[in-house]
Protein backbone atom coordinates (compact mmCIF):
# COMPACT_ATOMS: atom_id res chain seq x y z
CA MET A 1 -19.58 87.16 32.68
CA ILE A 2 -22.88 85.61 33.73
CA GLU A 3 -23.78 86.35 37.33
CA VAL A 4 -24.70 83.31 39.38
CA LEU A 5 -26.68 83.89 42.56
CA ALA A 6 -25.48 82.28 45.76
CA VAL A 7 -26.70 78.68 45.93
CA PRO A 8 -25.33 75.70 47.82
CA ARG A 9 -23.24 73.14 45.96
CA ALA A 10 -25.28 70.20 44.85
CA SER A 11 -25.59 66.90 46.62
CA THR A 12 -26.89 63.77 44.93
CA ARG A 13 -30.63 63.18 44.67
CA THR A 14 -31.78 66.75 45.04
CA ALA A 15 -35.51 66.93 45.71
CA TRP A 16 -37.39 67.72 42.51
CA SER A 17 -38.98 70.92 43.85
CA ARG A 18 -35.57 72.08 45.09
CA ALA A 19 -33.92 71.31 41.74
CA TYR A 20 -36.61 73.24 39.88
CA ALA A 21 -36.21 76.20 42.28
CA ILE A 22 -32.41 76.21 41.88
CA ALA A 23 -32.71 76.34 38.09
CA ARG A 24 -35.34 79.07 38.36
CA ASP A 25 -33.57 81.26 40.94
CA SER A 26 -29.82 80.86 40.35
CA ALA A 27 -29.36 83.19 37.38
CA ARG A 28 -29.95 86.86 36.72
CA PRO A 29 -31.22 88.17 33.37
CA LEU A 30 -28.59 88.70 30.70
CA PRO A 31 -27.48 92.31 30.03
CA GLY A 32 -29.66 94.69 28.07
CA ARG A 33 -29.18 96.03 24.57
CA VAL A 34 -31.06 98.65 22.56
CA VAL A 35 -32.88 97.40 19.46
CA PRO A 36 -35.57 98.69 17.10
CA VAL A 37 -39.08 97.97 18.33
CA THR A 38 -39.71 95.93 15.20
CA GLY A 39 -36.93 93.53 16.22
CA ALA A 40 -37.90 93.31 19.89
CA VAL A 41 -40.97 91.05 19.67
CA GLY A 42 -40.44 88.00 21.87
CA LEU A 43 -37.71 89.67 23.94
CA VAL A 44 -38.05 91.08 27.45
CA LEU A 45 -37.84 94.78 28.26
CA ALA A 46 -34.80 95.63 30.37
CA GLU A 47 -36.04 99.16 31.07
CA GLN A 48 -39.42 100.84 31.43
CA VAL A 49 -40.73 102.50 28.25
CA ARG A 50 -42.02 106.06 28.67
CA CYS A 51 -44.17 108.03 26.26
CA ALA A 52 -42.20 110.23 23.86
CA ARG A 53 -45.19 111.62 21.94
CA PRO A 54 -48.63 112.32 23.43
CA VAL A 55 -51.38 109.81 22.71
CA PRO A 56 -53.40 110.97 20.87
CA ALA A 57 -50.76 113.17 19.29
CA PHE A 58 -53.34 115.79 18.25
CA ASP A 59 -56.97 116.68 18.84
CA ASN A 60 -58.99 114.37 16.62
CA ALA A 61 -62.55 113.34 15.89
CA ALA A 62 -63.90 110.27 17.67
CA MET A 63 -66.89 110.00 15.29
CA ASP A 64 -67.82 110.71 11.68
CA GLY A 65 -69.93 113.85 11.52
CA PHE A 66 -69.46 117.62 11.80
CA ALA A 67 -67.00 119.58 13.91
CA VAL A 68 -68.83 122.64 15.20
CA ALA A 69 -67.88 125.86 16.97
CA GLY A 70 -70.18 128.00 19.11
CA ASP A 71 -73.96 127.71 19.03
CA GLY A 72 -75.96 126.31 16.13
CA PRO A 73 -77.27 126.21 13.56
CA TRP A 74 -73.88 126.04 11.85
CA THR A 75 -72.79 126.96 8.37
CA ILE A 76 -70.76 124.19 6.69
CA THR A 77 -67.51 125.61 5.36
CA GLY A 78 -65.52 122.54 4.31
CA ARG A 79 -64.45 118.95 4.95
CA VAL A 80 -61.55 117.44 6.89
CA LEU A 81 -60.54 113.78 6.48
CA ALA A 82 -57.96 111.66 8.28
CA GLY A 83 -54.46 112.44 7.05
CA THR A 84 -55.01 116.18 6.67
CA ALA A 85 -52.09 117.92 8.37
CA ASP A 86 -53.78 121.26 9.14
CA ALA A 87 -57.53 121.58 9.64
CA GLY A 88 -57.39 125.34 10.08
CA THR A 89 -59.47 127.40 12.49
CA LEU A 90 -63.22 127.22 12.97
CA ALA A 91 -65.14 130.41 13.79
CA PRO A 92 -68.25 130.36 16.01
CA GLY A 93 -71.38 129.40 14.09
CA HIS A 94 -69.41 127.37 11.57
CA ALA A 95 -68.87 123.67 10.97
CA VAL A 96 -66.78 121.33 8.85
CA GLU A 97 -67.64 117.78 7.86
CA ILE A 98 -65.09 115.51 9.51
CA GLY A 99 -64.00 111.85 9.47
CA THR A 100 -63.05 109.71 12.44
CA GLY A 101 -59.41 110.26 13.37
CA ALA A 102 -59.10 113.53 11.44
CA VAL A 103 -57.48 116.61 13.00
CA VAL A 104 -60.10 118.78 14.69
CA PRO A 105 -59.91 122.46 13.65
CA VAL A 106 -58.75 124.96 16.22
CA GLY A 107 -61.82 126.45 17.92
CA ALA A 108 -64.05 123.38 17.50
CA ASP A 109 -66.15 122.64 20.58
CA ALA A 110 -67.57 119.26 19.62
CA VAL A 111 -68.20 116.76 16.86
CA LEU A 112 -71.85 116.11 16.02
CA PRO A 113 -72.24 112.52 14.76
CA TYR A 114 -74.17 112.18 11.53
CA GLU A 115 -76.98 110.39 13.33
CA ASP A 116 -77.45 113.31 15.77
CA CYS A 117 -77.79 116.15 13.26
CA VAL A 118 -79.77 117.30 10.22
CA VAL A 119 -78.17 118.80 7.10
CA SER A 120 -80.07 121.18 4.85
CA GLY A 121 -78.00 122.69 2.08
CA ASP A 122 -74.94 124.26 3.68
CA THR A 123 -76.48 124.30 7.17
CA VAL A 124 -76.31 121.69 9.87
CA THR A 125 -78.50 121.68 12.97
CA GLY A 126 -78.45 119.55 16.09
CA SER A 127 -77.74 119.56 19.81
CA VAL A 128 -74.35 119.19 21.45
CA GLY A 129 -74.70 116.59 24.18
CA PRO A 130 -72.53 115.81 27.18
CA ARG A 131 -70.15 113.78 25.01
CA ARG A 132 -68.13 116.05 22.75
CA HIS A 133 -66.65 113.20 20.62
CA ILE A 134 -63.25 114.87 20.49
CA ARG A 135 -60.14 113.01 21.65
CA ARG A 136 -57.80 115.67 22.98
CA ALA A 137 -54.01 115.41 22.60
CA GLY A 138 -52.52 113.49 25.52
CA ASP A 139 -55.87 112.22 26.83
CA SER A 140 -54.55 108.65 26.90
CA LEU A 141 -50.84 109.29 27.57
CA ALA A 142 -48.88 112.44 28.26
CA VAL A 143 -45.20 112.77 27.37
CA GLY A 144 -43.14 111.01 30.04
CA ALA A 145 -45.95 108.76 31.21
CA PRO A 146 -45.07 105.05 31.60
CA VAL A 147 -46.19 102.90 28.68
CA VAL A 148 -44.84 99.40 29.48
CA PRO A 149 -42.88 98.30 32.59
CA ALA A 150 -39.52 96.59 32.59
CA GLY A 151 -39.78 92.80 32.62
CA ARG A 152 -42.65 92.67 30.15
CA THR A 153 -42.23 90.41 27.12
CA VAL A 154 -42.64 92.42 23.92
CA THR A 155 -45.70 91.10 22.11
CA ALA A 156 -47.18 92.51 18.92
CA THR A 157 -49.60 94.54 21.08
CA VAL A 158 -46.80 95.86 23.30
CA ALA A 159 -44.83 96.85 20.20
CA ALA A 160 -47.86 98.65 18.76
CA ALA A 161 -48.40 100.60 22.00
CA VAL A 162 -44.73 101.57 22.13
CA VAL A 163 -44.71 102.78 18.52
CA GLN A 164 -47.93 104.72 19.11
CA ALA A 165 -46.19 106.48 22.01
CA GLY A 166 -43.47 107.70 19.65
CA VAL A 167 -40.73 105.28 20.74
CA ASP A 168 -38.67 103.59 18.02
CA ARG A 169 -35.98 101.77 20.05
CA VAL A 170 -36.19 99.90 23.34
CA ALA A 171 -33.78 98.25 25.78
CA VAL A 172 -34.27 94.48 25.96
CA HIS A 173 -32.44 91.64 27.66
CA GLN A 174 -30.27 89.56 25.36
CA PRO A 175 -31.91 86.19 24.72
CA PRO A 176 -29.86 83.31 26.15
CA ALA A 177 -28.08 81.35 23.41
CA VAL A 178 -28.11 77.55 23.68
CA SER A 179 -25.63 75.09 22.20
CA LEU A 180 -26.83 71.47 22.04
CA LEU A 181 -24.45 68.51 22.12
CA VAL A 182 -26.22 65.26 21.23
CA THR A 183 -24.05 62.33 22.32
CA GLY A 184 -24.19 58.61 21.63
CA ASP A 185 -22.70 56.17 19.13
CA GLU A 186 -26.21 54.89 18.52
CA VAL A 187 -27.79 58.26 17.61
CA ILE A 188 -28.38 59.21 13.98
CA SER A 189 -29.75 62.53 12.72
CA ASP A 190 -31.90 61.28 9.82
CA GLY A 191 -32.93 58.20 7.91
CA VAL A 192 -34.23 54.88 9.15
CA PRO A 193 -32.26 53.56 12.16
CA GLY A 194 -30.41 50.32 11.61
CA PRO A 195 -29.75 47.63 14.21
CA GLY A 196 -28.69 49.24 17.49
CA GLN A 197 -29.42 52.77 16.24
CA VAL A 198 -31.97 55.41 17.30
CA ARG A 199 -33.07 58.73 15.83
CA ASP A 200 -32.13 62.00 17.51
CA THR A 201 -35.25 63.15 19.39
CA PHE A 202 -33.49 65.82 21.43
CA THR A 203 -32.87 68.52 18.83
CA GLY A 204 -36.55 69.22 18.27
CA LEU A 205 -37.47 69.04 21.96
CA VAL A 206 -34.63 71.28 23.13
CA THR A 207 -35.29 73.77 20.34
CA ALA A 208 -38.97 73.99 21.33
CA VAL A 209 -38.28 74.39 25.05
CA THR A 210 -35.56 76.97 24.31
CA GLY A 211 -37.84 79.08 22.15
CA ARG A 212 -40.71 78.88 24.63
CA ALA A 213 -38.44 80.13 27.43
CA GLY A 214 -37.14 83.08 25.42
CA GLY A 215 -33.83 81.61 24.27
CA ILE A 216 -32.32 80.98 20.85
CA MET A 217 -30.46 77.97 19.46
CA ALA A 218 -26.85 78.92 18.73
CA GLY A 219 -25.75 75.56 17.40
CA ARG A 220 -26.11 71.80 17.49
CA CYS A 221 -23.47 69.08 17.27
CA ARG A 222 -23.79 65.28 17.28
CA LEU A 223 -20.99 63.42 19.00
CA PRO A 224 -19.99 59.77 19.46
CA ASP A 225 -19.24 58.38 22.92
CA ASP A 226 -15.70 59.72 22.92
CA ARG A 227 -14.23 61.54 25.91
CA ASP A 228 -11.78 63.73 23.99
CA ARG A 229 -14.31 64.81 21.38
CA LEU A 230 -16.83 65.68 24.10
CA GLN A 231 -14.14 67.68 25.90
CA ARG A 232 -13.35 69.67 22.75
CA ALA A 233 -17.03 70.23 22.01
CA VAL A 234 -17.70 71.60 25.50
CA ASP A 235 -14.62 73.83 25.30
CA ARG A 236 -15.68 75.24 21.92
CA ALA A 237 -19.44 75.51 22.52
CA GLY A 238 -20.64 79.07 22.16
CA GLY A 239 -23.55 80.76 23.82
CA ASP A 240 -24.69 81.01 27.41
CA VAL A 241 -26.03 77.50 28.02
CA ILE A 242 -24.63 74.16 26.87
CA VAL A 243 -27.16 71.33 26.79
CA VAL A 244 -25.75 67.81 26.63
CA SER A 245 -28.03 64.87 25.93
CA GLY A 246 -26.73 61.50 27.10
CA SER A 247 -23.34 60.94 28.77
CA SER A 248 -25.12 61.83 32.00
CA SER A 249 -24.89 58.67 34.10
CA ALA A 250 -22.00 56.58 35.42
CA GLY A 251 -21.53 54.06 32.62
CA ALA A 252 -18.43 53.39 30.54
CA ALA A 253 -19.67 55.77 27.81
CA ASP A 254 -20.71 58.57 30.20
CA HIS A 255 -17.94 61.15 30.42
CA LEU A 256 -19.67 64.49 31.03
CA HIS A 257 -19.65 64.62 34.82
CA GLU A 258 -16.00 63.68 35.07
CA LEU A 259 -15.04 66.29 32.46
CA LEU A 260 -17.01 69.06 34.16
CA SER A 261 -15.55 68.28 37.57
CA ALA A 262 -12.04 68.28 36.11
CA ALA A 263 -12.77 71.67 34.55
CA GLY A 264 -13.68 73.14 37.96
CA ALA A 265 -17.42 73.39 37.31
CA THR A 266 -19.72 74.30 40.19
CA TRP A 267 -22.46 71.70 40.54
CA LEU A 268 -25.85 73.14 41.46
CA VAL A 269 -27.88 70.02 40.78
CA ARG A 270 -26.36 66.58 40.37
CA GLY A 271 -29.12 64.02 40.26
CA VAL A 272 -32.77 64.58 41.09
CA ALA A 273 -35.04 62.40 43.19
CA CYS A 274 -37.54 61.74 40.40
CA ARG A 275 -38.56 59.04 37.98
CA PRO A 276 -37.90 59.32 35.15
CA GLY A 277 -35.01 61.78 34.85
CA HIS A 278 -32.89 60.98 37.89
CA PRO A 279 -29.45 61.57 36.23
CA GLN A 280 -30.16 65.15 35.16
CA ALA A 281 -27.78 67.87 36.32
CA LEU A 282 -27.02 71.59 36.29
CA ALA A 283 -23.53 73.09 36.57
CA VAL A 284 -21.69 76.36 35.91
CA LEU A 285 -18.28 76.42 34.27
CA PRO A 286 -15.59 78.80 35.57
CA ASP A 287 -16.13 81.07 32.54
CA GLY A 288 -19.81 81.50 33.44
CA ARG A 289 -21.37 79.17 30.88
CA TRP A 290 -24.17 76.99 32.20
CA VAL A 291 -24.33 73.27 31.48
CA VAL A 292 -27.59 71.31 31.58
CA SER A 293 -27.18 67.54 31.44
CA LEU A 294 -30.13 65.59 30.07
CA PRO A 295 -30.51 61.81 30.42
CA GLY A 296 -30.22 59.89 27.16
CA ASN A 297 -33.65 58.30 27.46
CA PRO A 298 -35.94 60.56 25.38
CA TYR A 299 -38.80 60.79 27.89
CA ALA A 300 -36.41 61.27 30.80
CA GLY A 301 -34.63 63.93 28.75
CA LEU A 302 -37.93 65.74 28.22
CA VAL A 303 -38.59 65.66 31.96
CA ALA A 304 -35.13 67.10 32.63
CA ALA A 305 -35.54 69.82 30.01
CA LEU A 306 -38.74 70.98 31.71
CA THR A 307 -37.23 70.66 35.20
CA LEU A 308 -33.89 72.41 34.68
CA LEU A 309 -33.51 73.94 31.21
CA GLU A 310 -36.79 75.82 30.88
CA PRO A 311 -36.72 77.61 34.26
CA LEU A 312 -33.03 78.47 33.78
CA LEU A 313 -33.61 80.01 30.35
CA THR A 314 -36.69 81.84 31.63
CA ALA A 315 -34.52 83.53 34.27
CA LEU A 316 -31.68 84.34 31.87
CA SER A 317 -34.11 85.88 29.36
CA GLY A 318 -35.54 88.22 32.01
CA ARG A 319 -38.99 86.69 32.04
CA THR A 320 -40.93 86.38 35.27
CA ALA A 321 -41.05 82.79 36.44
CA ALA A 322 -44.55 81.43 36.20
CA ILE A 323 -46.15 79.67 39.14
CA LEU A 324 -46.69 76.06 38.12
CA PRO A 325 -50.40 75.36 37.65
CA MET A 326 -52.09 72.71 39.79
CA LEU A 327 -54.68 70.18 38.64
CA PRO A 328 -56.43 67.25 40.32
CA VAL A 329 -54.96 64.10 38.78
CA THR A 330 -56.78 60.80 38.47
CA GLY A 331 -55.35 57.34 37.89
CA SER A 332 -53.19 54.81 39.70
CA PRO A 333 -49.53 55.33 38.73
CA LYS A 334 -46.70 53.70 40.63
CA LEU A 335 -45.24 56.32 42.97
CA MET A 336 -41.57 56.79 43.85
CA PRO A 337 -40.76 56.46 47.55
CA GLY A 338 -38.64 59.42 48.66
CA GLY A 339 -39.11 61.25 45.37
CA VAL A 340 -41.62 62.19 42.69
CA ARG A 341 -43.07 60.31 39.75
CA ILE A 342 -43.60 62.46 36.65
CA VAL A 343 -46.44 61.21 34.47
CA PRO A 344 -48.25 62.44 31.35
CA VAL A 345 -51.84 63.60 31.87
CA THR A 346 -54.56 65.12 29.72
CA ALA A 347 -56.12 68.55 30.20
CA ASP A 348 -58.72 67.10 32.58
CA GLY A 349 -56.05 65.47 34.76
CA ALA A 350 -56.53 61.92 33.52
CA LEU A 351 -53.45 59.71 33.44
CA VAL A 352 -52.42 58.84 29.87
CA ALA A 353 -50.72 55.55 30.75
CA ALA A 354 -50.54 53.60 34.00
CA GLY A 355 -47.45 51.52 33.19
CA PRO A 356 -44.06 52.41 31.69
CA VAL A 357 -44.30 55.58 29.58
CA GLY A 358 -42.33 57.12 26.76
CA LEU A 359 -42.63 59.89 24.22
CA GLN A 360 -45.76 58.29 22.72
CA ALA A 361 -47.58 58.84 26.02
CA ALA A 362 -46.24 62.38 26.34
CA ALA A 363 -47.40 63.08 22.78
CA ALA A 364 -50.96 62.21 23.84
CA ALA A 365 -50.73 64.43 26.93
CA ASP A 366 -51.20 68.12 27.64
CA TRP A 367 -49.16 68.19 30.83
CA LEU A 368 -46.62 66.23 32.84
CA ALA A 369 -47.88 65.93 36.41
CA VAL A 370 -45.38 65.85 39.28
CA LEU A 371 -46.67 63.32 41.83
CA ALA A 372 -45.12 63.25 45.31
CA ASP A 373 -44.79 59.96 47.14
CA ASP A 374 -47.76 60.87 49.37
CA TRP A 375 -50.03 61.83 46.47
CA THR A 376 -53.45 60.17 46.37
CA PRO A 377 -55.76 59.77 43.35
CA GLY A 378 -57.80 62.94 42.79
CA ALA A 379 -55.39 65.18 44.69
CA PRO A 380 -53.90 68.18 42.86
CA ALA A 381 -50.35 68.09 41.51
CA PRO A 382 -47.97 70.62 39.90
CA LEU A 383 -47.95 70.58 36.11
CA LEU A 384 -45.27 71.00 33.46
CA ARG A 385 -46.57 71.97 30.02
CA VAL A 386 -45.67 69.57 27.23
CA PRO A 387 -43.85 71.42 24.42
């Protein structure tokens, strides 16, 4: 069962900042599971990783040159290259040629780099300086030392560090699974839309936002504006989060809110004081599944996905919520009294379009800026990254 933190039941027209905070703070990370490090990239560590094998695991040469013992000159007695399991023992007055990363013989005091010594026959001469050019076992990490803290997303570099420390399996949070229900008699999945039809723009957007927040797509279903079919689809939807596009308002074809209320859902957000995206919503079903309702307008749906879906999935995946960046925004958009206007802007804060906007404006933007009703041109505003 998903644990929901204590939050007040939603009222209509929740302030945008409050809605974003509710989605960000209402869920705990999903339970952990142990997986091979190779399969953990992109997931979030549920437990701290500690070193199981010292790093380095053995004394090894930090430079190409000669491993020497005692005082020089030294008699060269052999060669040791990386991959040799046993370099033997080196007596005082003796040396072996050695490659970077190779095991240093027992008894070696230093490695003389090639550029710091002279070889004549089987004799090498030179001076041992303050740097011995030997990496001793455990110099970087001793057994039991922390390698990576819990809460860190496993990147390729994190995975490499964990493997180097002798750890093959790690505990990670399960990624939240998302089921998408695309509603609307007018929506088609492919081909050229006919009269009164539109292409599905939600599948790609929701998939991108889900992946960016650490979730996975568990399934997608397209539904007509039919109450019973929507009811069955919600009942059967797998995963942790159900995303429904359309059916979010109060029209004759909008059934979602009535169905969720009848099912005993807890409403956390039910309408947000923003334009576009007012009819977005967030609820929790009695069985613990989350429901994110996205408006049917594609740009408004994008706004809602960034406002509610992304912060929710970030929390469920165990990732640390990022502080929204701020940027001075220029332009003269129409503000929303008592709410926020969400507009596409470029990386330098310039407004992409001053009038009505849609996906074409968002496609030309780097961010969506959240403008309060008291915002003035040039003032900074919170930013949502365009997927």
